[in-house]
Amino acid sequence: MVAECLLKEEDELVQKGCGWMLKAASKSYPDDVFEFVLRYQGQLPRSVVRTAIAKLPDSQRQQVLRHKATSH
């Protein structure tokens, strides 16, 4: 996935673009985006995670948010 190449990118605009790309992909591939965000959540900036999960089904979005709270 292209987003894997951008995990360590520090440029804010690139991070925003990554989040929007994942958000757009979640419309057609929600399970793939969900799994990606869970796998790399600790490496993704919060803004990318929030944008990426915006269009996921509510149950998946809540699971990502709970996973973040329990992973600290």
PDB file of N, CA and C in Angstrom:
ATOM      1  N   MET A   1       0.848  -1.179   0.000  1.00  0.00           N
ATOM      2  CA  MET A   1       0.000   0.000   0.000  1.00  0.00           C
ATOM      3  C   MET A   1       0.896   1.247   0.000  1.00  0.00           C
ATOM      4  N   VAL A   2       0.513   2.226  -0.772  1.00  0.00           N
ATOM      5  CA  VAL A   2       1.284   3.462  -0.893  1.00  0.00           C
ATOM      6  C   VAL A   2       1.452   4.132   0.470  1.00  0.00           C
ATOM      7  N   ALA A   3       0.460   4.047   1.305  1.00  0.00           N
ATOM      8  CA  ALA A   3       0.517   4.706   2.613  1.00  0.00           C
ATOM      9  C   ALA A   3       1.673   4.185   3.460  1.00  0.00           C
ATOM     10  N   GLU A   4       2.083   2.941   3.261  1.00  0.00           N
ATOM     11  CA  GLU A   4       3.222   2.402   4.012  1.00  0.00           C
ATOM     12  C   GLU A   4       4.496   3.186   3.716  1.00  0.00           C
ATOM     13  N   CYS A   5       4.624   3.657   2.502  1.00  0.00           N
ATOM     14  CA  CYS A   5       5.802   4.436   2.110  1.00  0.00           C
ATOM     15  C   CYS A   5       5.834   5.795   2.810  1.00  0.00           C
ATOM     16  N   LEU A   6       4.698   6.242   3.292  1.00  0.00           N
ATOM     17  CA  LEU A   6       4.598   7.580   3.880  1.00  0.00           C
ATOM     18  C   LEU A   6       4.565   7.569   5.409  1.00  0.00           C
ATOM     19  N   LEU A   7       4.767   6.423   6.026  1.00  0.00           N
ATOM     20  CA  LEU A   7       4.657   6.316   7.479  1.00  0.00           C
ATOM     21  C   LEU A   7       5.586   7.260   8.237  1.00  0.00           C
ATOM     22  N   LYS A   8       6.776   7.436   7.756  1.00  0.00           N
ATOM     23  CA  LYS A   8       7.764   8.242   8.470  1.00  0.00           C
ATOM     24  C   LYS A   8       7.868   9.672   7.941  1.00  0.00           C
ATOM     25  N   GLU A   9       7.003  10.024   7.023  1.00  0.00           N
ATOM     26  CA  GLU A   9       7.019  11.366   6.432  1.00  0.00           C
ATOM     27  C   GLU A   9       6.619  12.403   7.482  1.00  0.00           C
ATOM     28  N   GLU A  10       7.417  13.439   7.615  1.00  0.00           N
ATOM     29  CA  GLU A  10       7.159  14.465   8.626  1.00  0.00           C
ATOM     30  C   GLU A  10       6.463  15.699   8.070  1.00  0.00           C
ATOM     31  N   ASP A  11       6.419  15.833   6.764  1.00  0.00           N
ATOM     32  CA  ASP A  11       5.777  16.991   6.154  1.00  0.00           C
ATOM     33  C   ASP A  11       4.272  16.937   6.403  1.00  0.00           C
ATOM     34  N   GLU A  12       3.734  17.995   6.984  1.00  0.00           N
ATOM     35  CA  GLU A  12       2.326  18.030   7.364  1.00  0.00           C
ATOM     36  C   GLU A  12       1.394  17.875   6.158  1.00  0.00           C
ATOM     37  N   LEU A  13       1.755  18.473   5.035  1.00  0.00           N
ATOM     38  CA  LEU A  13       0.904  18.370   3.850  1.00  0.00           C
ATOM     39  C   LEU A  13       0.877  16.943   3.296  1.00  0.00           C
ATOM     40  N   VAL A  14       1.996  16.258   3.384  1.00  0.00           N
ATOM     41  CA  VAL A  14       2.044  14.867   2.937  1.00  0.00           C
ATOM     42  C   VAL A  14       1.203  14.008   3.879  1.00  0.00           C
ATOM     43  N   GLN A  15       1.275  14.277   5.179  1.00  0.00           N
ATOM     44  CA  GLN A  15       0.455  13.547   6.149  1.00  0.00           C
ATOM     45  C   GLN A  15      -1.032  13.762   5.867  1.00  0.00           C
ATOM     46  N   LYS A  16      -1.409  14.999   5.590  1.00  0.00           N
ATOM     47  CA  LYS A  16      -2.807  15.285   5.261  1.00  0.00           C
ATOM     48  C   LYS A  16      -3.229  14.537   4.007  1.00  0.00           C
ATOM     49  N   GLY A  17      -2.357  14.540   3.012  1.00  0.00           N
ATOM     50  CA  GLY A  17      -2.654  13.823   1.778  1.00  0.00           C
ATOM     51  C   GLY A  17      -2.820  12.329   2.014  1.00  0.00           C
ATOM     52  N   CYS A  18      -1.992  11.779   2.875  1.00  0.00           N
ATOM     53  CA  CYS A  18      -2.081  10.361   3.218  1.00  0.00           C
ATOM     54  C   CYS A  18      -3.421  10.063   3.888  1.00  0.00           C
ATOM     55  N   GLY A  19      -3.817  10.922   4.822  1.00  0.00           N
ATOM     56  CA  GLY A  19      -5.103  10.749   5.502  1.00  0.00           C
ATOM     57  C   GLY A  19      -6.268  10.807   4.530  1.00  0.00           C
ATOM     58  N   TRP A  20      -6.225  11.775   3.611  1.00  0.00           N
ATOM     59  CA  TRP A  20      -7.299  11.911   2.620  1.00  0.00           C
ATOM     60  C   TRP A  20      -7.304  10.729   1.658  1.00  0.00           C
ATOM     61  N   MET A  21      -6.128  10.216   1.294  1.00  0.00           N
ATOM     62  CA  MET A  21      -6.052   9.057   0.415  1.00  0.00           C
ATOM     63  C   MET A  21      -6.693   7.844   1.091  1.00  0.00           C
ATOM     64  N   LEU A  22      -6.378   7.644   2.366  1.00  0.00           N
ATOM     65  CA  LEU A  22      -6.961   6.524   3.105  1.00  0.00           C
ATOM     66  C   LEU A  22      -8.470   6.704   3.262  1.00  0.00           C
ATOM     67  N   LYS A  23      -8.899   7.925   3.500  1.00  0.00           N
ATOM     68  CA  LYS A  23     -10.330   8.208   3.625  1.00  0.00           C
ATOM     69  C   LYS A  23     -11.050   7.864   2.330  1.00  0.00           C
ATOM     70  N   ALA A  24     -10.488   8.270   1.204  1.00  0.00           N
ATOM     71  CA  ALA A  24     -11.090   7.966  -0.091  1.00  0.00           C
ATOM     72  C   ALA A  24     -11.095   6.456  -0.348  1.00  0.00           C
ATOM     73  N   ALA A  25     -10.017   5.788   0.014  1.00  0.00           N
ATOM     74  CA  ALA A  25      -9.928   4.338  -0.186  1.00  0.00           C
ATOM     75  C   ALA A  25     -10.919   3.594   0.706  1.00  0.00           C
ATOM     76  N   SER A  26     -11.236   4.171   1.849  1.00  0.00           N
ATOM     77  CA  SER A  26     -12.144   3.494   2.786  1.00  0.00           C
ATOM     78  C   SER A  26     -13.556   3.370   2.234  1.00  0.00           C
ATOM     79  N   LYS A  27     -13.899   4.172   1.243  1.00  0.00           N
ATOM     80  CA  LYS A  27     -15.234   4.078   0.643  1.00  0.00           C
ATOM     81  C   LYS A  27     -15.379   2.766  -0.131  1.00  0.00           C
ATOM     82  N   SER A  28     -14.328   2.343  -0.802  1.00  0.00           N
ATOM     83  CA  SER A  28     -14.367   1.105  -1.592  1.00  0.00           C
ATOM     84  C   SER A  28     -13.754  -0.088  -0.864  1.00  0.00           C
ATOM     85  N   TYR A  29     -12.803   0.197   0.021  1.00  0.00           N
ATOM     86  CA  TYR A  29     -12.061  -0.874   0.706  1.00  0.00           C
ATOM     87  C   TYR A  29     -12.019  -0.628   2.216  1.00  0.00           C
ATOM     88  N   PRO A  30     -13.163  -0.551   2.870  1.00  0.00           N
ATOM     89  CA  PRO A  30     -13.168  -0.202   4.296  1.00  0.00           C
ATOM     90  C   PRO A  30     -12.394  -1.188   5.169  1.00  0.00           C
ATOM     91  N   ASP A  31     -12.488  -2.477   4.864  1.00  0.00           N
ATOM     92  CA  ASP A  31     -11.785  -3.459   5.694  1.00  0.00           C
ATOM     93  C   ASP A  31     -10.274  -3.339   5.563  1.00  0.00           C
ATOM     94  N   ASP A  32      -9.794  -3.060   4.355  1.00  0.00           N
ATOM     95  CA  ASP A  32      -8.356  -2.899   4.145  1.00  0.00           C
ATOM     96  C   ASP A  32      -7.825  -1.668   4.879  1.00  0.00           C
ATOM     97  N   VAL A  33      -8.552  -0.566   4.809  1.00  0.00           N
ATOM     98  CA  VAL A  33      -8.132   0.653   5.498  1.00  0.00           C
ATOM     99  C   VAL A  33      -8.194   0.436   7.005  1.00  0.00           C
ATOM    100  N   PHE A  34      -9.242  -0.209   7.480  1.00  0.00           N
ATOM    101  CA  PHE A  34      -9.387  -0.511   8.906  1.00  0.00           C
ATOM    102  C   PHE A  34      -8.191  -1.314   9.415  1.00  0.00           C
ATOM    103  N   GLU A  35      -7.841  -2.373   8.700  1.00  0.00           N
ATOM    104  CA  GLU A  35      -6.710  -3.214   9.110  1.00  0.00           C
ATOM    105  C   GLU A  35      -5.395  -2.443   9.052  1.00  0.00           C
ATOM    106  N   PHE A  36      -5.220  -1.619   8.028  1.00  0.00           N
ATOM    107  CA  PHE A  36      -4.008  -0.814   7.907  1.00  0.00           C
ATOM    108  C   PHE A  36      -3.870   0.137   9.092  1.00  0.00           C
ATOM    109  N   VAL A  37      -4.943   0.841   9.411  1.00  0.00           N
ATOM    110  CA  VAL A  37      -4.891   1.809  10.514  1.00  0.00           C
ATOM    111  C   VAL A  37      -4.612   1.107  11.833  1.00  0.00           C
ATOM    112  N   LEU A  38      -5.238  -0.031  12.077  1.00  0.00           N
ATOM    113  CA  LEU A  38      -4.953  -0.764  13.309  1.00  0.00           C
ATOM    114  C   LEU A  38      -3.501  -1.217  13.366  1.00  0.00           C
ATOM    115  N   ARG A  39      -2.992  -1.709  12.244  1.00  0.00           N
ATOM    116  CA  ARG A  39      -1.616  -2.229  12.203  1.00  0.00           C
ATOM    117  C   ARG A  39      -0.584  -1.126  12.463  1.00  0.00           C
ATOM    118  N   TYR A  40      -0.818   0.060  11.892  1.00  0.00           N
ATOM    119  CA  TYR A  40       0.182   1.121  11.959  1.00  0.00           C
ATOM    120  C   TYR A  40      -0.236   2.296  12.841  1.00  0.00           C
ATOM    121  N   GLN A  41      -1.239   2.130  13.638  1.00  0.00           N
ATOM    122  CA  GLN A  41      -1.776   3.227  14.416  1.00  0.00           C
ATOM    123  C   GLN A  41      -0.723   3.913  15.285  1.00  0.00           C
ATOM    124  N   GLY A  42       0.175   3.160  15.845  1.00  0.00           N
ATOM    125  CA  GLY A  42       1.212   3.738  16.688  1.00  0.00           C
ATOM    126  C   GLY A  42       2.230   4.569  15.918  1.00  0.00           C
ATOM    127  N   GLN A  43       2.298   4.382  14.611  1.00  0.00           N
ATOM    128  CA  GLN A  43       3.254   5.104  13.780  1.00  0.00           C
ATOM    129  C   GLN A  43       2.612   6.264  13.011  1.00  0.00           C
ATOM    130  N   LEU A  44       1.291   6.254  12.911  1.00  0.00           N
ATOM    131  CA  LEU A  44       0.583   7.288  12.153  1.00  0.00           C
ATOM    132  C   LEU A  44       0.277   8.490  13.042  1.00  0.00           C
ATOM    133  N   PRO A  45       0.442   9.687  12.525  1.00  0.00           N
ATOM    134  CA  PRO A  45       0.025  10.866  13.289  1.00  0.00           C
ATOM    135  C   PRO A  45      -1.485  10.813  13.545  1.00  0.00           C
ATOM    136  N   ARG A  46      -1.897  11.381  14.632  1.00  0.00           N
ATOM    137  CA  ARG A  46      -3.310  11.371  15.007  1.00  0.00           C
ATOM    138  C   ARG A  46      -4.200  11.944  13.903  1.00  0.00           C
ATOM    139  N   SER A  47      -3.729  12.999  13.254  1.00  0.00           N
ATOM    140  CA  SER A  47      -4.530  13.618  12.194  1.00  0.00           C
ATOM    141  C   SER A  47      -4.777  12.651  11.035  1.00  0.00           C
ATOM    142  N   VAL A  48      -3.801  11.816  10.723  1.00  0.00           N
ATOM    143  CA  VAL A  48      -3.963  10.835   9.649  1.00  0.00           C
ATOM    144  C   VAL A  48      -4.993   9.784  10.062  1.00  0.00           C
ATOM    145  N   VAL A  49      -4.888   9.313  11.296  1.00  0.00           N
ATOM    146  CA  VAL A  49      -5.833   8.302  11.787  1.00  0.00           C
ATOM    147  C   VAL A  49      -7.250   8.855  11.764  1.00  0.00           C
ATOM    148  N   ARG A  50      -7.441  10.047  12.293  1.00  0.00           N
ATOM    149  CA  ARG A  50      -8.780  10.651  12.348  1.00  0.00           C
ATOM    150  C   ARG A  50      -9.379  10.833  10.967  1.00  0.00           C
ATOM    151  N   THR A  51      -8.575  11.300  10.028  1.00  0.00           N
ATOM    152  CA  THR A  51      -9.075  11.500   8.667  1.00  0.00           C
ATOM    153  C   THR A  51      -9.359  10.161   8.003  1.00  0.00           C
ATOM    154  N   ALA A  52      -8.465   9.203   8.177  1.00  0.00           N
ATOM    155  CA  ALA A  52      -8.602   7.901   7.521  1.00  0.00           C
ATOM    156  C   ALA A  52      -9.858   7.157   7.964  1.00  0.00           C
ATOM    157  N   ILE A  53     -10.239   7.289   9.231  1.00  0.00           N
ATOM    158  CA  ILE A  53     -11.374   6.514   9.739  1.00  0.00           C
ATOM    159  C   ILE A  53     -12.709   7.249   9.614  1.00  0.00           C
ATOM    160  N   ALA A  54     -12.696   8.456   9.086  1.00  0.00           N
ATOM    161  CA  ALA A  54     -13.903   9.279   9.042  1.00  0.00           C
ATOM    162  C   ALA A  54     -15.071   8.618   8.323  1.00  0.00           C
ATOM    163  N   LYS A  55     -14.821   7.858   7.278  1.00  0.00           N
ATOM    164  CA  LYS A  55     -15.892   7.238   6.495  1.00  0.00           C
ATOM    165  C   LYS A  55     -16.073   5.747   6.783  1.00  0.00           C
ATOM    166  N   LEU A  56     -15.317   5.222   7.748  1.00  0.00           N
ATOM    167  CA  LEU A  56     -15.485   3.815   8.104  1.00  0.00           C
ATOM    168  C   LEU A  56     -16.818   3.628   8.830  1.00  0.00           C
ATOM    169  N   PRO A  57     -17.361   2.414   8.791  1.00  0.00           N
ATOM    170  CA  PRO A  57     -18.564   2.143   9.581  1.00  0.00           C
ATOM    171  C   PRO A  57     -18.302   2.470  11.056  1.00  0.00           C
ATOM    172  N   ASP A  58     -19.343   2.899  11.732  1.00  0.00           N
ATOM    173  CA  ASP A  58     -19.206   3.342  13.115  1.00  0.00           C
ATOM    174  C   ASP A  58     -18.545   2.296  14.013  1.00  0.00           C
ATOM    175  N   SER A  59     -18.876   1.028  13.815  1.00  0.00           N
ATOM    176  CA  SER A  59     -18.295  -0.022  14.660  1.00  0.00           C
ATOM    177  C   SER A  59     -16.778  -0.101  14.475  1.00  0.00           C
ATOM    178  N   GLN A  60     -16.302   0.018  13.238  1.00  0.00           N
ATOM    179  CA  GLN A  60     -14.865  -0.019  12.993  1.00  0.00           C
ATOM    180  C   GLN A  60     -14.185   1.238  13.524  1.00  0.00           C
ATOM    181  N   ARG A  61     -14.817   2.376  13.332  1.00  0.00           N
ATOM    182  CA  ARG A  61     -14.250   3.637  13.824  1.00  0.00           C
ATOM    183  C   ARG A  61     -14.094   3.587  15.346  1.00  0.00           C
ATOM    184  N   GLN A  62     -15.115   3.112  16.026  1.00  0.00           N
ATOM    185  CA  GLN A  62     -15.046   3.020  17.483  1.00  0.00           C
ATOM    186  C   GLN A  62     -13.968   2.022  17.927  1.00  0.00           C
ATOM    187  N   GLN A  63     -13.818   0.945  17.198  1.00  0.00           N
ATOM    188  CA  GLN A  63     -12.791  -0.044  17.531  1.00  0.00           C
ATOM    189  C   GLN A  63     -11.392   0.565  17.406  1.00  0.00           C
ATOM    190  N   VAL A  64     -11.160   1.361  16.377  1.00  0.00           N
ATOM    191  CA  VAL A  64      -9.863   2.029  16.209  1.00  0.00           C
ATOM    192  C   VAL A  64      -9.621   2.966  17.389  1.00  0.00           C
ATOM    193  N   LEU A  65     -10.620   3.727  17.761  1.00  0.00           N
ATOM    194  CA  LEU A  65     -10.459   4.672  18.862  1.00  0.00           C
ATOM    195  C   LEU A  65     -10.226   3.959  20.191  1.00  0.00           C
ATOM    196  N   ARG A  66     -10.911   2.831  20.414  1.00  0.00           N
ATOM    197  CA  ARG A  66     -10.685   2.051  21.633  1.00  0.00           C
ATOM    198  C   ARG A  66      -9.307   1.422  21.629  1.00  0.00           C
ATOM    199  N   HIS A  67      -8.871   0.934  20.460  1.00  0.00           N
ATOM    200  CA  HIS A  67      -7.544   0.323  20.336  1.00  0.00           C
ATOM    201  C   HIS A  67      -6.459   1.327  20.701  1.00  0.00           C
ATOM    202  N   LYS A  68      -6.627   2.567  20.274  1.00  0.00           N
ATOM    203  CA  LYS A  68      -5.669   3.620  20.588  1.00  0.00           C
ATOM    204  C   LYS A  68      -5.619   3.859  22.093  1.00  0.00           C
ATOM    205  N   ALA A  69      -6.788   3.870  22.729  1.00  0.00           N
ATOM    206  CA  ALA A  69      -6.849   4.143  24.168  1.00  0.00           C
ATOM    207  C   ALA A  69      -6.208   3.005  24.971  1.00  0.00           C
ATOM    208  N   THR A  70      -6.313   1.778  24.491  1.00  0.00           N
ATOM    209  CA  THR A  70      -5.762   0.657  25.252  1.00  0.00           C
ATOM    210  C   THR A  70      -4.316   0.348  24.898  1.00  0.00           C
ATOM    211  N   SER A  71      -3.804   0.943  23.820  1.00  0.00           N
ATOM    212  CA  SER A  71      -2.430   0.623  23.410  1.00  0.00           C
ATOM    213  C   SER A  71      -1.388   1.487  24.109  1.00  0.00           C
ATOM    214  N   HIS A  72      -1.806   2.442  24.911  1.00  0.00           N
ATOM    215  CA  HIS A  72      -0.835   3.296  25.625  1.00  0.00           C
ATOM    216  C   HIS A  72      -0.529   2.758  26.977  1.00  0.00           C
TER     217      HIS A  72
END
